[in-house]
Amino acid sequence: MLIKIFSTAALLIMSWQTVVNNNIREEVRALQSSVQETQSFVRQDMSSIGQTNFAETKKISENLEAYVSLQEENLAASKRVEGETEVLQAKLKSTQKKLASKESELEKANDLAALSRAYAEVLQAEVFGIRKNGAAASRSLLATKEAIYKSGSKFPKHKDTLRKLMGPIDLLAGQWKRGDYSGSSIEIRKKLKSVIDARGA
């Protein structure tokens, strides 16, 4: 979400820069047109230089100086806007990288939390089994399968370990459901705990 906001902000900044550059170009064009008219006037006046008075010559010179000065200011403003835009774009890229990194960390933490909840549910199933409540024990244990199976995709290095727990879970849940309490979830819990400890390190 924040990446989208920063991307939108970058687009707005770039659009604003385009508008500013276009305005500067329009002002420069208008001044160039004015200068061309002034230059034309100067050329016409040069043919009759004897009739040109000092005040007109001074005004032409001031117009040319103003044009040159404005062009220099516009160029400096354009460079300043480009520089500011580059700085903002660099900051945006840096922020996007940081956000992507934080999102990745958060996703990993959520994946680990989901596996930890499955571990807690296995413990709860064991408690039901100890209390000889086979239906609840079976139901709780089977409820962990989806989270454990999905964790295999989230933690590829432990995929085989996690996916191989599906058989033992089904077997133990079946025993508990039939009222056979000779089995235990200890091996399932050991393997889950080893993955949780490895990923949490």
N, C-alpha and C. Protein backbone atom coordinates (compact mmCIF):
# COMPACT_ATOMS: atom_id res chain seq x y z
N MET A 1 0.83 -1.19 0.00
CA MET A 1 0.00 0.00 0.00
C MET A 1 0.87 1.25 0.00
N LEU A 2 1.92 1.26 0.89
CA LEU A 2 2.80 2.43 0.94
C LEU A 2 3.59 2.60 -0.35
N ILE A 3 3.95 1.47 -0.98
CA ILE A 3 4.66 1.56 -2.26
C ILE A 3 3.79 2.26 -3.28
N LYS A 4 2.48 1.92 -3.30
CA LYS A 4 1.56 2.57 -4.25
C LYS A 4 1.47 4.07 -3.97
N ILE A 5 1.44 4.44 -2.66
CA ILE A 5 1.35 5.86 -2.29
C ILE A 5 2.59 6.60 -2.76
N PHE A 6 3.78 5.99 -2.52
CA PHE A 6 5.01 6.65 -2.94
C PHE A 6 5.13 6.69 -4.46
N SER A 7 4.65 5.66 -5.13
CA SER A 7 4.67 5.66 -6.60
C SER A 7 3.78 6.77 -7.14
N THR A 8 2.61 6.93 -6.52
CA THR A 8 1.68 7.99 -6.93
C THR A 8 2.31 9.35 -6.68
N ALA A 9 2.99 9.50 -5.51
CA ALA A 9 3.65 10.76 -5.20
C ALA A 9 4.74 11.07 -6.23
N ALA A 10 5.49 10.04 -6.63
CA ALA A 10 6.54 10.23 -7.63
C ALA A 10 5.94 10.68 -8.96
N LEU A 11 4.83 10.07 -9.33
CA LEU A 11 4.16 10.46 -10.58
C LEU A 11 3.69 11.90 -10.50
N LEU A 12 3.15 12.31 -9.32
CA LEU A 12 2.69 13.69 -9.16
C LEU A 12 3.85 14.66 -9.26
N ILE A 13 4.98 14.29 -8.64
CA ILE A 13 6.16 15.17 -8.69
C ILE A 13 6.65 15.30 -10.13
N MET A 14 6.68 14.17 -10.85
CA MET A 14 7.15 14.21 -12.24
C MET A 14 6.20 15.03 -13.11
N SER A 15 4.88 14.92 -12.83
CA SER A 15 3.89 15.69 -13.58
C SER A 15 4.07 17.17 -13.29
N TRP A 16 4.32 17.48 -11.99
CA TRP A 16 4.51 18.87 -11.62
C TRP A 16 5.76 19.42 -12.32
N GLN A 17 6.82 18.62 -12.36
CA GLN A 17 8.05 19.06 -13.04
C GLN A 17 7.77 19.32 -14.52
N THR A 18 6.98 18.46 -15.15
CA THR A 18 6.64 18.64 -16.56
C THR A 18 5.89 19.94 -16.78
N VAL A 19 4.92 20.22 -15.88
CA VAL A 19 4.14 21.46 -15.99
C VAL A 19 5.05 22.66 -15.83
N VAL A 20 5.95 22.61 -14.81
CA VAL A 20 6.87 23.73 -14.57
C VAL A 20 7.78 23.93 -15.78
N ASN A 21 8.33 22.83 -16.31
CA ASN A 21 9.21 22.93 -17.48
C ASN A 21 8.47 23.49 -18.69
N ASN A 22 7.22 23.05 -18.88
CA ASN A 22 6.41 23.57 -19.99
C ASN A 22 6.15 25.07 -19.82
N ASN A 23 5.85 25.50 -18.59
CA ASN A 23 5.63 26.94 -18.32
C ASN A 23 6.89 27.74 -18.62
N ILE A 24 8.02 27.19 -18.18
CA ILE A 24 9.30 27.88 -18.43
C ILE A 24 9.55 27.98 -19.94
N ARG A 25 9.30 26.87 -20.66
CA ARG A 25 9.50 26.89 -22.12
C ARG A 25 8.60 27.93 -22.79
N GLU A 26 7.33 28.04 -22.31
CA GLU A 26 6.39 29.02 -22.89
C GLU A 26 6.88 30.44 -22.65
N GLU A 27 7.39 30.69 -21.42
CA GLU A 27 7.92 32.02 -21.11
C GLU A 27 9.13 32.35 -21.98
N VAL A 28 9.98 31.34 -22.15
CA VAL A 28 11.17 31.54 -22.98
C VAL A 28 10.77 31.82 -24.43
N ARG A 29 9.79 31.06 -24.94
CA ARG A 29 9.31 31.30 -26.32
C ARG A 29 8.76 32.71 -26.48
N ALA A 30 7.98 33.16 -25.46
CA ALA A 30 7.39 34.50 -25.53
C ALA A 30 8.50 35.54 -25.53
N LEU A 31 9.51 35.31 -24.69
CA LEU A 31 10.63 36.27 -24.65
C LEU A 31 11.43 36.23 -25.95
N GLN A 32 11.60 35.02 -26.50
CA GLN A 32 12.33 34.93 -27.77
C GLN A 32 11.60 35.68 -28.86
N SER A 33 10.29 35.57 -28.87
CA SER A 33 9.48 36.28 -29.86
C SER A 33 9.64 37.78 -29.68
N SER A 34 9.62 38.21 -28.38
CA SER A 34 9.79 39.64 -28.09
C SER A 34 11.17 40.12 -28.53
N VAL A 35 12.18 39.28 -28.26
CA VAL A 35 13.55 39.66 -28.65
C VAL A 35 13.68 39.71 -30.18
N GLN A 36 13.05 38.76 -30.87
CA GLN A 36 13.11 38.77 -32.33
C GLN A 36 12.47 40.04 -32.89
N GLU A 37 11.37 40.43 -32.27
CA GLU A 37 10.74 41.69 -32.70
C GLU A 37 11.67 42.87 -32.43
N THR A 38 12.29 42.81 -31.24
CA THR A 38 13.23 43.89 -30.87
C THR A 38 14.42 43.91 -31.83
N GLN A 39 14.93 42.70 -32.15
CA GLN A 39 16.07 42.64 -33.07
C GLN A 39 15.68 43.16 -34.45
N SER A 40 14.47 42.83 -34.87
CA SER A 40 13.98 43.34 -36.16
C SER A 40 13.90 44.86 -36.13
N PHE A 41 13.40 45.34 -34.97
CA PHE A 41 13.30 46.79 -34.81
C PHE A 41 14.68 47.43 -34.85
N VAL A 42 15.65 46.74 -34.17
CA VAL A 42 17.03 47.25 -34.15
C VAL A 42 17.61 47.28 -35.56
N ARG A 43 17.38 46.20 -36.34
CA ARG A 43 17.91 46.16 -37.71
C ARG A 43 17.33 47.29 -38.56
N GLN A 44 16.03 47.51 -38.37
CA GLN A 44 15.40 48.60 -39.13
C GLN A 44 15.97 49.95 -38.70
N ASP A 45 16.19 50.03 -37.37
CA ASP A 45 16.70 51.29 -36.85
C ASP A 45 18.15 51.54 -37.26
N MET A 46 18.89 50.45 -37.45
CA MET A 46 20.30 50.60 -37.82
C MET A 46 20.44 51.30 -39.18
N SER A 47 19.46 51.06 -40.02
CA SER A 47 19.54 51.70 -41.34
C SER A 47 19.37 53.20 -41.22
N SER A 48 18.67 53.58 -40.16
CA SER A 48 18.50 55.03 -39.96
C SER A 48 19.04 55.42 -38.58
N ILE A 49 20.29 54.97 -38.32
CA ILE A 49 20.91 55.16 -37.01
C ILE A 49 21.03 56.62 -36.63
N GLY A 50 21.15 57.41 -37.60
CA GLY A 50 21.28 58.84 -37.33
C GLY A 50 20.02 59.40 -36.69
N GLN A 51 18.87 58.76 -36.97
CA GLN A 51 17.61 59.26 -36.43
C GLN A 51 17.25 58.61 -35.08
N THR A 52 17.96 57.49 -34.71
CA THR A 52 17.65 56.79 -33.46
C THR A 52 18.18 57.60 -32.29
N ASN A 53 17.36 57.80 -31.33
CA ASN A 53 17.84 58.58 -30.18
C ASN A 53 18.38 57.65 -29.10
N PHE A 54 19.05 58.19 -28.17
CA PHE A 54 19.73 57.43 -27.13
C PHE A 54 18.74 56.63 -26.26
N ALA A 55 17.60 57.20 -25.97
CA ALA A 55 16.61 56.55 -25.10
C ALA A 55 16.13 55.24 -25.71
N GLU A 56 15.87 55.23 -27.04
CA GLU A 56 15.41 54.01 -27.70
C GLU A 56 16.49 52.93 -27.69
N THR A 57 17.71 53.34 -27.93
CA THR A 57 18.82 52.39 -27.92
C THR A 57 19.00 51.79 -26.54
N LYS A 58 18.85 52.64 -25.52
CA LYS A 58 18.98 52.16 -24.14
C LYS A 58 17.87 51.16 -23.83
N LYS A 59 16.66 51.44 -24.28
CA LYS A 59 15.52 50.54 -24.03
C LYS A 59 15.74 49.18 -24.69
N ILE A 60 16.24 49.19 -25.92
CA ILE A 60 16.53 47.94 -26.63
C ILE A 60 17.58 47.14 -25.87
N SER A 61 18.61 47.84 -25.43
CA SER A 61 19.69 47.18 -24.69
C SER A 61 19.16 46.58 -23.39
N GLU A 62 18.27 47.32 -22.70
CA GLU A 62 17.69 46.82 -21.45
C GLU A 62 16.82 45.58 -21.70
N ASN A 63 16.05 45.62 -22.82
CA ASN A 63 15.22 44.46 -23.17
C ASN A 63 16.07 43.22 -23.42
N LEU A 64 17.18 43.40 -24.13
CA LEU A 64 18.07 42.27 -24.40
C LEU A 64 18.70 41.76 -23.12
N GLU A 65 19.11 42.67 -22.25
CA GLU A 65 19.71 42.26 -20.98
C GLU A 65 18.67 41.52 -20.13
N ALA A 66 17.43 42.02 -20.13
CA ALA A 66 16.36 41.36 -19.36
C ALA A 66 16.09 39.96 -19.90
N TYR A 67 16.12 39.83 -21.21
CA TYR A 67 15.89 38.52 -21.83
C TYR A 67 16.98 37.53 -21.42
N VAL A 68 18.24 37.98 -21.52
CA VAL A 68 19.36 37.12 -21.16
C VAL A 68 19.28 36.73 -19.69
N SER A 69 18.97 37.71 -18.84
CA SER A 69 18.86 37.46 -17.41
C SER A 69 17.74 36.46 -17.09
N LEU A 70 16.59 36.65 -17.75
CA LEU A 70 15.46 35.75 -17.52
C LEU A 70 15.76 34.34 -18.00
N GLN A 71 16.45 34.26 -19.14
CA GLN A 71 16.84 32.93 -19.64
C GLN A 71 17.75 32.23 -18.64
N GLU A 72 18.68 32.96 -18.08
CA GLU A 72 19.60 32.39 -17.10
C GLU A 72 18.83 31.93 -15.85
N GLU A 73 17.88 32.77 -15.40
CA GLU A 73 17.06 32.41 -14.24
C GLU A 73 16.22 31.16 -14.52
N ASN A 74 15.62 31.12 -15.72
CA ASN A 74 14.80 29.97 -16.09
C ASN A 74 15.62 28.69 -16.16
N LEU A 75 16.82 28.81 -16.72
CA LEU A 75 17.70 27.65 -16.81
C LEU A 75 18.09 27.16 -15.41
N ALA A 76 18.41 28.11 -14.53
CA ALA A 76 18.77 27.75 -13.15
C ALA A 76 17.58 27.10 -12.44
N ALA A 77 16.37 27.67 -12.66
CA ALA A 77 15.16 27.11 -12.02
C ALA A 77 14.89 25.70 -12.53
N SER A 78 15.05 25.52 -13.84
CA SER A 78 14.82 24.20 -14.44
C SER A 78 15.79 23.17 -13.88
N LYS A 79 17.07 23.57 -13.76
CA LYS A 79 18.08 22.66 -13.21
C LYS A 79 17.79 22.35 -11.75
N ARG A 80 17.33 23.39 -11.02
CA ARG A 80 17.01 23.18 -9.61
C ARG A 80 15.85 22.19 -9.46
N VAL A 81 14.81 22.37 -10.29
CA VAL A 81 13.65 21.46 -10.24
C VAL A 81 14.08 20.04 -10.61
N GLU A 82 14.92 19.91 -11.64
CA GLU A 82 15.41 18.58 -12.04
C GLU A 82 16.21 17.93 -10.90
N GLY A 83 17.05 18.76 -10.26
CA GLY A 83 17.86 18.24 -9.15
C GLY A 83 16.99 17.78 -7.99
N GLU A 84 15.97 18.60 -7.66
CA GLU A 84 15.05 18.24 -6.56
C GLU A 84 14.29 16.97 -6.91
N THR A 85 13.88 16.86 -8.18
CA THR A 85 13.14 15.67 -8.60
C THR A 85 14.02 14.42 -8.51
N GLU A 86 15.28 14.54 -8.91
CA GLU A 86 16.19 13.40 -8.81
C GLU A 86 16.38 12.96 -7.36
N VAL A 87 16.50 13.96 -6.46
CA VAL A 87 16.66 13.65 -5.04
C VAL A 87 15.42 12.93 -4.52
N LEU A 88 14.23 13.46 -4.89
CA LEU A 88 12.97 12.84 -4.45
C LEU A 88 12.82 11.42 -5.01
N GLN A 89 13.21 11.24 -6.27
CA GLN A 89 13.12 9.90 -6.87
C GLN A 89 14.07 8.92 -6.18
N ALA A 90 15.26 9.40 -5.83
CA ALA A 90 16.22 8.54 -5.13
C ALA A 90 15.68 8.17 -3.75
N LYS A 91 15.07 9.16 -3.05
CA LYS A 91 14.48 8.88 -1.74
C LYS A 91 13.32 7.90 -1.87
N LEU A 92 12.53 8.07 -2.93
CA LEU A 92 11.39 7.18 -3.15
C LEU A 92 11.87 5.75 -3.37
N LYS A 93 12.91 5.58 -4.20
CA LYS A 93 13.45 4.24 -4.45
C LYS A 93 13.97 3.61 -3.17
N SER A 94 14.67 4.42 -2.37
CA SER A 94 15.21 3.92 -1.10
C SER A 94 14.07 3.51 -0.16
N THR A 95 13.03 4.34 -0.10
CA THR A 95 11.88 4.03 0.76
C THR A 95 11.17 2.78 0.27
N GLN A 96 11.03 2.64 -1.05
CA GLN A 96 10.37 1.45 -1.61
C GLN A 96 11.16 0.19 -1.25
N LYS A 97 12.50 0.27 -1.32
CA LYS A 97 13.32 -0.88 -0.96
C LYS A 97 13.14 -1.24 0.51
N LYS A 98 13.13 -0.19 1.36
CA LYS A 98 12.96 -0.44 2.80
C LYS A 98 11.59 -1.05 3.08
N LEU A 99 10.56 -0.52 2.41
CA LEU A 99 9.21 -1.05 2.61
C LEU A 99 9.12 -2.50 2.15
N ALA A 100 9.73 -2.78 0.99
CA ALA A 100 9.70 -4.16 0.48
C ALA A 100 10.39 -5.09 1.47
N SER A 101 11.50 -4.63 2.05
CA SER A 101 12.22 -5.43 3.03
C SER A 101 11.38 -5.65 4.28
N LYS A 102 10.72 -4.58 4.75
CA LYS A 102 9.86 -4.70 5.94
C LYS A 102 8.68 -5.61 5.66
N GLU A 103 8.09 -5.49 4.47
CA GLU A 103 6.96 -6.35 4.12
C GLU A 103 7.38 -7.82 4.08
N SER A 104 8.59 -8.06 3.55
CA SER A 104 9.12 -9.42 3.50
C SER A 104 9.32 -9.97 4.91
N GLU A 105 9.88 -9.13 5.80
CA GLU A 105 10.09 -9.54 7.19
C GLU A 105 8.77 -9.83 7.88
N LEU A 106 7.78 -8.97 7.63
CA LEU A 106 6.46 -9.15 8.24
C LEU A 106 5.80 -10.44 7.74
N GLU A 107 5.94 -10.69 6.44
CA GLU A 107 5.37 -11.92 5.87
C GLU A 107 6.01 -13.16 6.51
N LYS A 108 7.33 -13.13 6.67
CA LYS A 108 8.03 -14.26 7.30
C LYS A 108 7.57 -14.44 8.75
N ALA A 109 7.39 -13.31 9.45
CA ALA A 109 6.93 -13.39 10.85
C ALA A 109 5.53 -13.98 10.91
N ASN A 110 4.66 -13.58 9.98
CA ASN A 110 3.29 -14.12 9.93
C ASN A 110 3.30 -15.62 9.63
N ASP A 111 4.18 -16.03 8.72
CA ASP A 111 4.28 -17.45 8.37
C ASP A 111 4.74 -18.26 9.59
N LEU A 112 5.71 -17.71 10.31
CA LEU A 112 6.21 -18.40 11.51
C LEU A 112 5.13 -18.44 12.59
N ALA A 113 4.36 -17.35 12.71
CA ALA A 113 3.28 -17.31 13.70
C ALA A 113 2.21 -18.36 13.37
N ALA A 114 1.90 -18.54 12.08
CA ALA A 114 0.91 -19.54 11.68
C ALA A 114 1.38 -20.95 12.06
N LEU A 115 2.66 -21.21 11.85
CA LEU A 115 3.20 -22.53 12.21
C LEU A 115 3.21 -22.71 13.73
N SER A 116 3.50 -21.63 14.46
CA SER A 116 3.49 -21.69 15.92
C SER A 116 2.08 -21.94 16.45
N ARG A 117 1.07 -21.35 15.81
CA ARG A 117 -0.32 -21.61 16.20
C ARG A 117 -0.68 -23.08 15.96
N ALA A 118 -0.19 -23.64 14.84
CA ALA A 118 -0.44 -25.06 14.56
C ALA A 118 0.21 -25.92 15.64
N TYR A 119 1.41 -25.54 16.07
CA TYR A 119 2.10 -26.28 17.14
C TYR A 119 1.27 -26.24 18.43
N ALA A 120 0.75 -25.04 18.76
CA ALA A 120 -0.07 -24.90 19.96
C ALA A 120 -1.33 -25.75 19.86
N GLU A 121 -1.89 -25.84 18.65
CA GLU A 121 -3.09 -26.65 18.44
C GLU A 121 -2.78 -28.14 18.61
N VAL A 122 -1.59 -28.57 18.20
CA VAL A 122 -1.18 -29.97 18.41
C VAL A 122 -1.08 -30.24 19.92
N LEU A 123 -0.52 -29.27 20.65
CA LEU A 123 -0.45 -29.42 22.11
C LEU A 123 -1.85 -29.54 22.71
N GLN A 124 -2.78 -28.72 22.23
CA GLN A 124 -4.16 -28.77 22.72
C GLN A 124 -4.79 -30.14 22.41
N ALA A 125 -4.51 -30.65 21.22
CA ALA A 125 -5.02 -31.97 20.85
C ALA A 125 -4.47 -33.04 21.79
N GLU A 126 -3.20 -32.91 22.14
CA GLU A 126 -2.58 -33.85 23.07
C GLU A 126 -3.27 -33.81 24.43
N VAL A 127 -3.61 -32.61 24.89
CA VAL A 127 -4.32 -32.46 26.16
C VAL A 127 -5.66 -33.18 26.10
N PHE A 128 -6.39 -32.98 24.98
CA PHE A 128 -7.67 -33.67 24.82
C PHE A 128 -7.47 -35.20 24.85
N GLY A 129 -6.37 -35.64 24.20
CA GLY A 129 -6.07 -37.08 24.18
C GLY A 129 -5.79 -37.61 25.58
N ILE A 130 -5.03 -36.86 26.36
CA ILE A 130 -4.72 -37.26 27.74
C ILE A 130 -6.00 -37.34 28.56
N ARG A 131 -6.95 -36.45 28.27
CA ARG A 131 -8.23 -36.44 29.00
C ARG A 131 -9.24 -37.45 28.43
N LYS A 132 -8.77 -38.23 27.47
CA LYS A 132 -9.61 -39.27 26.84
C LYS A 132 -10.82 -38.69 26.10
N ASN A 133 -10.63 -37.51 25.56
CA ASN A 133 -11.68 -36.89 24.73
C ASN A 133 -11.25 -37.06 23.28
N GLY A 134 -11.49 -38.25 22.74
CA GLY A 134 -10.99 -38.62 21.42
C GLY A 134 -11.52 -37.76 20.29
N ALA A 135 -12.80 -37.40 20.33
CA ALA A 135 -13.39 -36.60 19.25
C ALA A 135 -12.72 -35.23 19.19
N ALA A 136 -12.59 -34.57 20.35
CA ALA A 136 -11.97 -33.23 20.39
C ALA A 136 -10.50 -33.32 20.01
N ALA A 137 -9.81 -34.36 20.49
CA ALA A 137 -8.38 -34.53 20.18
C ALA A 137 -8.18 -34.72 18.68
N SER A 138 -9.02 -35.57 18.09
CA SER A 138 -8.92 -35.83 16.66
C SER A 138 -9.21 -34.56 15.86
N ARG A 139 -10.28 -33.86 16.24
CA ARG A 139 -10.68 -32.63 15.53
C ARG A 139 -9.58 -31.57 15.61
N SER A 140 -9.01 -31.37 16.80
CA SER A 140 -7.95 -30.37 16.98
C SER A 140 -6.71 -30.72 16.17
N LEU A 141 -6.35 -32.00 16.19
CA LEU A 141 -5.14 -32.42 15.46
C LEU A 141 -5.33 -32.25 13.95
N LEU A 142 -6.47 -32.68 13.44
CA LEU A 142 -6.73 -32.56 12.00
C LEU A 142 -6.80 -31.09 11.55
N ALA A 143 -7.21 -30.20 12.47
CA ALA A 143 -7.30 -28.77 12.15
C ALA A 143 -5.93 -28.15 11.88
N THR A 144 -4.86 -28.82 12.26
CA THR A 144 -3.51 -28.27 12.05
C THR A 144 -2.95 -28.58 10.67
N LYS A 145 -3.57 -29.53 9.98
CA LYS A 145 -2.99 -30.03 8.72
C LYS A 145 -2.81 -28.93 7.67
N GLU A 146 -3.83 -28.11 7.49
CA GLU A 146 -3.75 -27.09 6.44
C GLU A 146 -2.60 -26.12 6.68
N ALA A 147 -2.50 -25.62 7.93
CA ALA A 147 -1.43 -24.67 8.25
C ALA A 147 -0.05 -25.31 8.10
N ILE A 148 0.07 -26.55 8.53
CA ILE A 148 1.37 -27.24 8.43
C ILE A 148 1.73 -27.49 6.97
N TYR A 149 0.74 -27.90 6.18
CA TYR A 149 0.99 -28.17 4.76
C TYR A 149 1.40 -26.88 4.03
N LYS A 150 0.67 -25.78 4.31
CA LYS A 150 1.00 -24.49 3.67
C LYS A 150 2.39 -24.01 4.10
N SER A 151 2.77 -24.29 5.33
CA SER A 151 4.08 -23.87 5.82
C SER A 151 5.21 -24.53 5.03
N GLY A 152 4.90 -25.69 4.43
CA GLY A 152 5.89 -26.35 3.58
C GLY A 152 6.27 -25.47 2.40
N SER A 153 5.29 -24.71 1.87
CA SER A 153 5.58 -23.78 0.76
C SER A 153 6.30 -22.54 1.25
N LYS A 154 5.97 -22.11 2.47
CA LYS A 154 6.57 -20.89 3.02
C LYS A 154 8.02 -21.11 3.44
N PHE A 155 8.33 -22.34 3.87
CA PHE A 155 9.68 -22.68 4.32
C PHE A 155 10.21 -23.85 3.47
N PRO A 156 10.64 -23.56 2.25
CA PRO A 156 11.04 -24.62 1.30
C PRO A 156 12.10 -25.59 1.83
N LYS A 157 13.00 -25.11 2.68
CA LYS A 157 14.05 -26.00 3.21
C LYS A 157 13.45 -27.08 4.12
N HIS A 158 12.29 -26.81 4.67
CA HIS A 158 11.65 -27.74 5.61
C HIS A 158 10.39 -28.37 5.01
N LYS A 159 10.22 -28.20 3.71
CA LYS A 159 9.01 -28.68 3.05
C LYS A 159 8.78 -30.18 3.27
N ASP A 160 9.80 -30.97 3.04
CA ASP A 160 9.66 -32.43 3.19
C ASP A 160 9.29 -32.81 4.62
N THR A 161 9.98 -32.19 5.58
CA THR A 161 9.71 -32.50 6.99
C THR A 161 8.26 -32.20 7.33
N LEU A 162 7.77 -31.03 6.90
CA LEU A 162 6.41 -30.62 7.24
C LEU A 162 5.35 -31.45 6.50
N ARG A 163 5.59 -31.71 5.24
CA ARG A 163 4.58 -32.45 4.46
C ARG A 163 4.52 -33.93 4.87
N LYS A 164 5.63 -34.44 5.36
CA LYS A 164 5.64 -35.84 5.83
C LYS A 164 4.88 -36.02 7.14
N LEU A 165 4.47 -34.93 7.76
CA LEU A 165 3.69 -35.02 9.00
C LEU A 165 2.22 -35.33 8.73
N MET A 166 1.79 -35.20 7.47
CA MET A 166 0.38 -35.42 7.15
C MET A 166 -0.06 -36.84 7.51
N GLY A 167 0.76 -37.83 7.18
CA GLY A 167 0.43 -39.23 7.47
C GLY A 167 0.33 -39.50 8.96
N PRO A 168 1.36 -39.14 9.75
CA PRO A 168 1.29 -39.35 11.20
C PRO A 168 0.11 -38.62 11.85
N ILE A 169 -0.22 -37.43 11.35
CA ILE A 169 -1.37 -36.69 11.90
C ILE A 169 -2.66 -37.46 11.66
N ASP A 170 -2.84 -37.93 10.42
CA ASP A 170 -4.05 -38.70 10.09
C ASP A 170 -4.13 -39.98 10.94
N LEU A 171 -3.00 -40.65 11.08
CA LEU A 171 -2.97 -41.91 11.83
C LEU A 171 -3.34 -41.68 13.30
N LEU A 172 -2.70 -40.67 13.93
CA LEU A 172 -2.96 -40.39 15.34
C LEU A 172 -4.39 -39.90 15.55
N ALA A 173 -4.87 -39.03 14.65
CA ALA A 173 -6.25 -38.52 14.76
C ALA A 173 -7.24 -39.69 14.68
N GLY A 174 -6.97 -40.63 13.78
CA GLY A 174 -7.83 -41.81 13.65
C GLY A 174 -7.84 -42.66 14.92
N GLN A 175 -6.66 -42.84 15.53
CA GLN A 175 -6.58 -43.61 16.78
C GLN A 175 -7.41 -42.95 17.88
N TRP A 176 -7.20 -41.64 18.03
CA TRP A 176 -7.92 -40.92 19.08
C TRP A 176 -9.43 -40.97 18.85
N LYS A 177 -9.83 -40.84 17.58
CA LYS A 177 -11.26 -40.86 17.26
C LYS A 177 -11.88 -42.22 17.63
N ARG A 178 -11.10 -43.31 17.47
CA ARG A 178 -11.59 -44.66 17.79
C ARG A 178 -11.50 -44.96 19.29
N GLY A 179 -10.94 -44.04 20.05
CA GLY A 179 -10.81 -44.26 21.48
C GLY A 179 -9.53 -44.95 21.87
N ASP A 180 -8.58 -45.03 20.92
CA ASP A 180 -7.27 -45.64 21.20
C ASP A 180 -6.31 -44.51 21.60
N TYR A 181 -5.93 -44.48 22.87
CA TYR A 181 -5.09 -43.40 23.37
C TYR A 181 -3.64 -43.84 23.59
N SER A 182 -3.25 -44.90 22.93
CA SER A 182 -1.89 -45.41 23.08
C SER A 182 -0.87 -44.53 22.36
N GLY A 183 -1.31 -43.79 21.35
CA GLY A 183 -0.40 -42.94 20.57
C GLY A 183 -0.21 -41.57 21.21
N SER A 184 0.83 -40.86 20.74
CA SER A 184 1.14 -39.52 21.26
C SER A 184 1.60 -38.63 20.10
N SER A 185 1.44 -37.35 20.30
CA SER A 185 1.86 -36.39 19.26
C SER A 185 3.30 -35.94 19.44
N ILE A 186 4.05 -36.61 20.30
CA ILE A 186 5.40 -36.15 20.63
C ILE A 186 6.31 -36.03 19.41
N GLU A 187 6.28 -36.99 18.50
CA GLU A 187 7.15 -36.93 17.31
C GLU A 187 6.72 -35.78 16.38
N ILE A 188 5.42 -35.60 16.26
CA ILE A 188 4.89 -34.48 15.44
C ILE A 188 5.36 -33.16 16.04
N ARG A 189 5.23 -33.03 17.35
CA ARG A 189 5.62 -31.79 18.03
C ARG A 189 7.13 -31.54 17.92
N LYS A 190 7.94 -32.59 18.03
CA LYS A 190 9.40 -32.42 17.92
C LYS A 190 9.78 -31.85 16.56
N LYS A 191 9.15 -32.42 15.51
CA LYS A 191 9.49 -31.95 14.15
C LYS A 191 9.01 -30.52 13.93
N LEU A 192 7.82 -30.22 14.41
CA LEU A 192 7.33 -28.84 14.29
C LEU A 192 8.23 -27.87 15.05
N LYS A 193 8.61 -28.25 16.25
CA LYS A 193 9.46 -27.39 17.08
C LYS A 193 10.82 -27.17 16.43
N SER A 194 11.36 -28.21 15.80
CA SER A 194 12.66 -28.05 15.15
C SER A 194 12.59 -27.05 13.99
N VAL A 195 11.47 -27.08 13.25
CA VAL A 195 11.31 -26.12 12.14
C VAL A 195 11.11 -24.72 12.69
N ILE A 196 10.28 -24.59 13.73
CA ILE A 196 10.03 -23.28 14.33
C ILE A 196 11.33 -22.68 14.88
N ASP A 197 12.12 -23.50 15.56
CA ASP A 197 13.39 -23.01 16.13
C ASP A 197 14.36 -22.61 15.01
N ALA A 198 14.39 -23.40 13.93
CA ALA A 198 15.30 -23.09 12.81
C ALA A 198 14.89 -21.79 12.12
N ARG A 199 13.58 -21.58 11.94
CA ARG A 199 13.11 -20.38 11.24
C ARG A 199 13.13 -19.15 12.15
N GLY A 200 12.99 -19.36 13.45
CA GLY A 200 12.98 -18.23 14.37
C GLY A 200 14.37 -17.74 14.74
N ALA A 201 15.38 -18.50 14.39
CA ALA A 201 16.76 -18.14 14.76
C ALA A 201 17.25 -16.94 13.96
